[in-house]
Protein backbone atom coordinates (compact mmCIF):
# COMPACT_ATOMS: atom_id res chain seq x y z
CA UNK A 1 -4.91 10.36 -10.59
CA UNK A 2 -0.64 11.42 -9.50
CA UNK A 3 1.75 10.10 -6.77
CA UNK A 4 0.91 12.80 -4.61
CA UNK A 5 -2.42 12.49 -4.22
CA UNK A 6 -2.20 8.62 -3.47
CA UNK A 7 0.74 9.00 -1.32
CA UNK A 8 -1.87 11.34 0.38
CA UNK A 9 -4.18 8.39 1.44
CA UNK A 10 -4.43 6.31 4.22
CA UNK A 11 -3.27 2.56 2.68
CA UNK A 12 -5.68 -0.15 5.00
CA UNK A 13 -6.15 -3.66 5.03
CA UNK A 14 -9.82 -4.87 5.18
CA UNK A 15 -8.57 -8.20 7.01
CA UNK A 16 -8.83 -6.61 10.46
CA UNK A 17 -8.82 -3.24 9.46
CA UNK A 18 -5.55 -1.67 10.38
CA UNK A 19 -3.98 1.00 8.80
CA UNK A 20 -0.39 -0.45 6.93
CA UNK A 21 1.19 2.70 6.02
CA UNK A 22 2.20 5.17 4.19
CA UNK A 23 2.66 5.35 -0.01
CA UNK A 24 5.65 6.19 -0.99
CA UNK A 25 6.68 5.10 -4.14
CA UNK A 26 4.83 3.54 -7.65
CA UNK A 27 6.42 0.01 -9.85
CA UNK A 28 5.29 1.49 -13.22
CA UNK A 29 5.55 -1.92 -16.00
CA UNK A 30 8.31 -1.07 -19.36
CA UNK A 31 4.37 -0.39 -21.40
CA UNK A 32 3.51 1.93 -19.09
CA UNK A 33 0.50 0.05 -16.02
CA UNK A 34 1.05 0.44 -12.63
CA UNK A 35 2.12 -2.84 -11.58
CA UNK A 36 2.24 -2.62 -7.64
CA UNK A 37 2.68 -0.11 -4.49
CA UNK A 38 5.30 0.24 -2.22
CA UNK A 39 4.04 1.48 1.34
CA UNK A 40 6.80 2.50 3.90
CA UNK A 41 5.30 0.13 6.95
CA UNK A 42 3.76 1.46 9.74
CA UNK A 43 5.70 0.45 13.07
CA UNK A 44 2.91 -2.68 14.41
CA UNK A 45 3.85 -3.90 11.09
CA UNK A 46 8.58 -3.33 11.46
CA UNK A 47 8.58 -5.62 14.36
CA UNK A 48 6.24 -7.66 14.11
CA UNK A 49 6.55 -9.09 11.10
CA UNK A 50 9.49 -8.95 8.88
CA UNK A 51 13.14 -6.20 9.08
CA UNK A 52 13.08 -4.46 6.50
CA UNK A 53 10.46 -1.30 7.00
CA UNK A 54 8.79 -1.45 3.13
CA UNK A 55 5.84 -3.90 1.69
CA UNK A 56 4.56 -4.00 -2.13
CA UNK A 57 1.06 -4.34 -2.71
CA UNK A 58 0.68 -5.48 -6.04
CA UNK A 59 -1.85 -3.73 -7.80
CA UNK A 60 -4.82 -7.33 -7.78
CA UNK A 61 -4.54 -6.87 -4.13
CA UNK A 62 -6.00 -2.91 -3.63
CA UNK A 63 -9.58 -3.37 -3.11
CA UNK A 64 -10.81 0.45 -3.55
CA UNK A 65 -9.50 3.47 -4.08
CA UNK A 66 -11.07 6.21 -1.51
CA UNK A 67 -11.40 9.70 -1.16
CA UNK A 68 -9.14 9.28 1.68
CA UNK A 69 -8.49 5.82 2.29
CA UNK A 70 -6.89 2.33 -0.10
CA UNK A 71 -8.63 -0.52 0.95
CA UNK A 72 -6.22 -3.84 0.61
CA UNK A 73 -6.74 -7.54 0.79
CA UNK A 74 -3.41 -9.32 2.62
CA UNK A 75 -2.72 -11.97 4.22
CA UNK A 76 0.17 -12.31 6.38
């Protein structure tokens, strides 16, 4: 799977069903394993939780990568 394939998917939190944002980058460890996704947060998450416009989602927080959506388990 390519980064461009991941960028076309919506990132949704399974705890509240809300879209978190869009993938803008990935972090890869020195051994080549994907460590986390960097997501540009939507307007709701920027104004409510932090001034930062990005959130890092660890690989362990990803529940399912589907055809159109990536389901993640994040507790704020």
